[in-house]
């Protein structure tokens, strides 16, 4: 949009300035804390993963022992080579698979 008169440009600049918003770092700080409707007042939400992870780790005990054996072998090496990424990945995949089957039973 071009304006040939001097007053036209000033009007466009004034409209643009009126539409701009100033940045306020405290913009999102005034919202009330969310309270889940299925919890009683004062009751805190507990993460079901905190209970499922140890249970599933017991379920994956064979992968856990393989990982621990690898860590022991690697820590005894003096050349600093080797890692247990593969064993750790197998352990976490087993744990994630177990958690995936159990987690939806804890949803409300």
C-alpha atoms as a PDB file:
ATOM      1  CA  UNK A   1       0.000   0.000   0.000  1.00  0.00           C
ATOM      2  CA  UNK A   2       1.661   3.196  -1.174  1.00  0.00           C
ATOM      3  CA  UNK A   3       0.700   6.676  -0.231  1.00  0.00           C
ATOM      4  CA  UNK A   4       1.901   9.679  -2.134  1.00  0.00           C
ATOM      5  CA  UNK A   5       0.947  12.284   0.406  1.00  0.00           C
ATOM      6  CA  UNK A   6       3.021  12.887   3.514  1.00  0.00           C
ATOM      7  CA  UNK A   7       0.001  12.566   5.805  1.00  0.00           C
ATOM      8  CA  UNK A   8      -0.819   9.120   4.394  1.00  0.00           C
ATOM      9  CA  UNK A   9       2.515   7.649   5.500  1.00  0.00           C
ATOM     10  CA  UNK A  10       2.103   9.020   9.000  1.00  0.00           C
ATOM     11  CA  UNK A  11      -1.357   7.499   9.256  1.00  0.00           C
ATOM     12  CA  UNK A  12      -0.014   4.038   8.201  1.00  0.00           C
ATOM     13  CA  UNK A  13       2.829   4.235  10.757  1.00  0.00           C
ATOM     14  CA  UNK A  14       0.372   5.281  13.478  1.00  0.00           C
ATOM     15  CA  UNK A  15      -1.934   2.317  12.706  1.00  0.00           C
ATOM     16  CA  UNK A  16       0.998  -0.128  12.801  1.00  0.00           C
ATOM     17  CA  UNK A  17       2.148   1.243  16.155  1.00  0.00           C
ATOM     18  CA  UNK A  18      -1.360   0.960  17.592  1.00  0.00           C
ATOM     19  CA  UNK A  19      -1.570  -2.732  16.624  1.00  0.00           C
ATOM     20  CA  UNK A  20       1.742  -3.813  18.149  1.00  0.00           C
ATOM     21  CA  UNK A  21       1.844  -5.547  21.525  1.00  0.00           C
ATOM     22  CA  UNK A  22       4.544  -5.049  24.106  1.00  0.00           C
ATOM     23  CA  UNK A  23       6.405  -8.106  25.414  1.00  0.00           C
ATOM     24  CA  UNK A  24       5.577  -8.922  28.998  1.00  0.00           C
ATOM     25  CA  UNK A  25       7.624 -11.689  30.682  1.00  0.00           C
ATOM     26  CA  UNK A  26       4.934 -12.061  33.343  1.00  0.00           C
ATOM     27  CA  UNK A  27       2.178 -12.750  30.794  1.00  0.00           C
ATOM     28  CA  UNK A  28       1.666 -16.424  31.718  1.00  0.00           C
ATOM     29  CA  UNK A  29       2.258 -16.053  35.449  1.00  0.00           C
ATOM     30  CA  UNK A  30      -1.298 -15.107  36.377  1.00  0.00           C
ATOM     31  CA  UNK A  31      -3.076 -18.354  35.527  1.00  0.00           C
ATOM     32  CA  UNK A  32      -4.417 -20.434  38.438  1.00  0.00           C
ATOM     33  CA  UNK A  33      -2.766 -23.768  39.184  1.00  0.00           C
ATOM     34  CA  UNK A  34      -4.481 -26.661  37.420  1.00  0.00           C
ATOM     35  CA  UNK A  35      -6.222 -29.122  39.707  1.00  0.00           C
ATOM     36  CA  UNK A  36      -7.278 -32.455  38.202  1.00  0.00           C
ATOM     37  CA  UNK A  37     -11.017 -33.028  38.747  1.00  0.00           C
ATOM     38  CA  UNK A  38     -10.568 -36.630  39.951  1.00  0.00           C
ATOM     39  CA  UNK A  39      -8.283 -35.590  42.835  1.00  0.00           C
ATOM     40  CA  UNK A  40      -9.480 -34.313  46.176  1.00  0.00           C
ATOM     41  CA  UNK A  41      -8.257 -30.868  47.265  1.00  0.00           C
ATOM     42  CA  UNK A  42      -4.806 -31.193  48.804  1.00  0.00           C
ATOM     43  CA  UNK A  43      -4.172 -34.558  47.147  1.00  0.00           C
ATOM     44  CA  UNK A  44      -1.153 -34.603  44.829  1.00  0.00           C
ATOM     45  CA  UNK A  45      -1.007 -36.414  41.515  1.00  0.00           C
ATOM     46  CA  UNK A  46       1.305 -39.433  41.555  1.00  0.00           C
ATOM     47  CA  UNK A  47       3.040 -40.483  38.379  1.00  0.00           C
ATOM     48  CA  UNK A  48       2.230 -44.116  37.547  1.00  0.00           C
ATOM     49  CA  UNK A  49       5.669 -44.459  35.950  1.00  0.00           C
ATOM     50  CA  UNK A  50       7.223 -44.183  39.412  1.00  0.00           C
ATOM     51  CA  UNK A  51       5.562 -47.467  40.380  1.00  0.00           C
ATOM     52  CA  UNK A  52       5.724 -49.183  36.984  1.00  0.00           C
ATOM     53  CA  UNK A  53       9.441 -48.715  36.283  1.00  0.00           C
ATOM     54  CA  UNK A  54      10.668 -50.833  39.229  1.00  0.00           C
ATOM     55  CA  UNK A  55       8.007 -53.495  38.558  1.00  0.00           C
ATOM     56  CA  UNK A  56       9.003 -53.724  34.916  1.00  0.00           C
ATOM     57  CA  UNK A  57      12.681 -53.785  35.812  1.00  0.00           C
ATOM     58  CA  UNK A  58      11.981 -56.963  37.798  1.00  0.00           C
ATOM     59  CA  UNK A  59      10.197 -58.331  34.724  1.00  0.00           C
ATOM     60  CA  UNK A  60      13.334 -57.593  32.644  1.00  0.00           C
ATOM     61  CA  UNK A  61      15.782 -59.069  35.150  1.00  0.00           C
ATOM     62  CA  UNK A  62      17.634 -61.129  32.519  1.00  0.00           C
ATOM     63  CA  UNK A  63      18.454 -57.978  30.529  1.00  0.00           C
ATOM     64  CA  UNK A  64      19.394 -56.179  33.744  1.00  0.00           C
ATOM     65  CA  UNK A  65      21.866 -58.917  34.743  1.00  0.00           C
ATOM     66  CA  UNK A  66      23.375 -58.897  31.230  1.00  0.00           C
ATOM     67  CA  UNK A  67      23.802 -55.125  31.432  1.00  0.00           C
ATOM     68  CA  UNK A  68      25.372 -55.329  34.903  1.00  0.00           C
ATOM     69  CA  UNK A  69      27.786 -58.039  33.709  1.00  0.00           C
ATOM     70  CA  UNK A  70      28.788 -55.813  30.798  1.00  0.00           C
ATOM     71  CA  UNK A  71      29.381 -52.856  33.125  1.00  0.00           C
ATOM     72  CA  UNK A  72      31.589 -55.054  35.321  1.00  0.00           C
ATOM     73  CA  UNK A  73      33.586 -56.286  32.292  1.00  0.00           C
ATOM     74  CA  UNK A  74      34.053 -52.781  30.899  1.00  0.00           C
ATOM     75  CA  UNK A  75      35.081 -51.319  34.265  1.00  0.00           C
ATOM     76  CA  UNK A  76      37.820 -53.974  34.594  1.00  0.00           C
ATOM     77  CA  UNK A  77      39.383 -53.014  31.240  1.00  0.00           C
ATOM     78  CA  UNK A  78      42.404 -50.763  31.395  1.00  0.00           C
ATOM     79  CA  UNK A  79      42.431 -49.575  27.780  1.00  0.00           C
ATOM     80  CA  UNK A  80      39.210 -47.554  28.137  1.00  0.00           C
ATOM     81  CA  UNK A  81      37.591 -49.214  25.128  1.00  0.00           C
ATOM     82  CA  UNK A  82      34.124 -50.687  24.908  1.00  0.00           C
ATOM     83  CA  UNK A  83      30.692 -49.700  26.124  1.00  0.00           C
ATOM     84  CA  UNK A  84      27.399 -51.290  27.094  1.00  0.00           C
ATOM     85  CA  UNK A  85      25.106 -49.317  24.785  1.00  0.00           C
ATOM     86  CA  UNK A  86      23.632 -52.430  23.191  1.00  0.00           C
ATOM     87  CA  UNK A  87      22.819 -54.059  26.527  1.00  0.00           C
ATOM     88  CA  UNK A  88      21.396 -50.825  27.876  1.00  0.00           C
ATOM     89  CA  UNK A  89      19.227 -50.427  24.769  1.00  0.00           C
ATOM     90  CA  UNK A  90      17.868 -53.973  25.150  1.00  0.00           C
ATOM     91  CA  UNK A  91      17.124 -53.315  28.835  1.00  0.00           C
ATOM     92  CA  UNK A  92      15.280 -50.061  28.157  1.00  0.00           C
ATOM     93  CA  UNK A  93      13.338 -51.583  25.247  1.00  0.00           C
ATOM     94  CA  UNK A  94      12.176 -54.418  27.517  1.00  0.00           C
ATOM     95  CA  UNK A  95      11.208 -51.943  30.238  1.00  0.00           C
ATOM     96  CA  UNK A  96       9.384 -49.664  27.768  1.00  0.00           C
ATOM     97  CA  UNK A  97       7.500 -52.642  26.310  1.00  0.00           C
ATOM     98  CA  UNK A  98       6.367 -53.691  29.786  1.00  0.00           C
ATOM     99  CA  UNK A  99       5.340 -50.139  30.717  1.00  0.00           C
ATOM    100  CA  UNK A 100       3.393 -49.733  27.467  1.00  0.00           C
ATOM    101  CA  UNK A 101       1.215 -52.709  28.360  1.00  0.00           C
ATOM    102  CA  UNK A 102       0.590 -51.557  31.940  1.00  0.00           C
ATOM    103  CA  UNK A 103       0.283 -47.754  31.714  1.00  0.00           C
ATOM    104  CA  UNK A 104      -3.255 -47.527  30.323  1.00  0.00           C
ATOM    105  CA  UNK A 105      -4.619 -49.467  33.266  1.00  0.00           C
ATOM    106  CA  UNK A 106      -3.626 -46.468  35.412  1.00  0.00           C
ATOM    107  CA  UNK A 107      -5.447 -43.864  33.297  1.00  0.00           C
ATOM    108  CA  UNK A 108      -8.638 -42.366  34.700  1.00  0.00           C
END
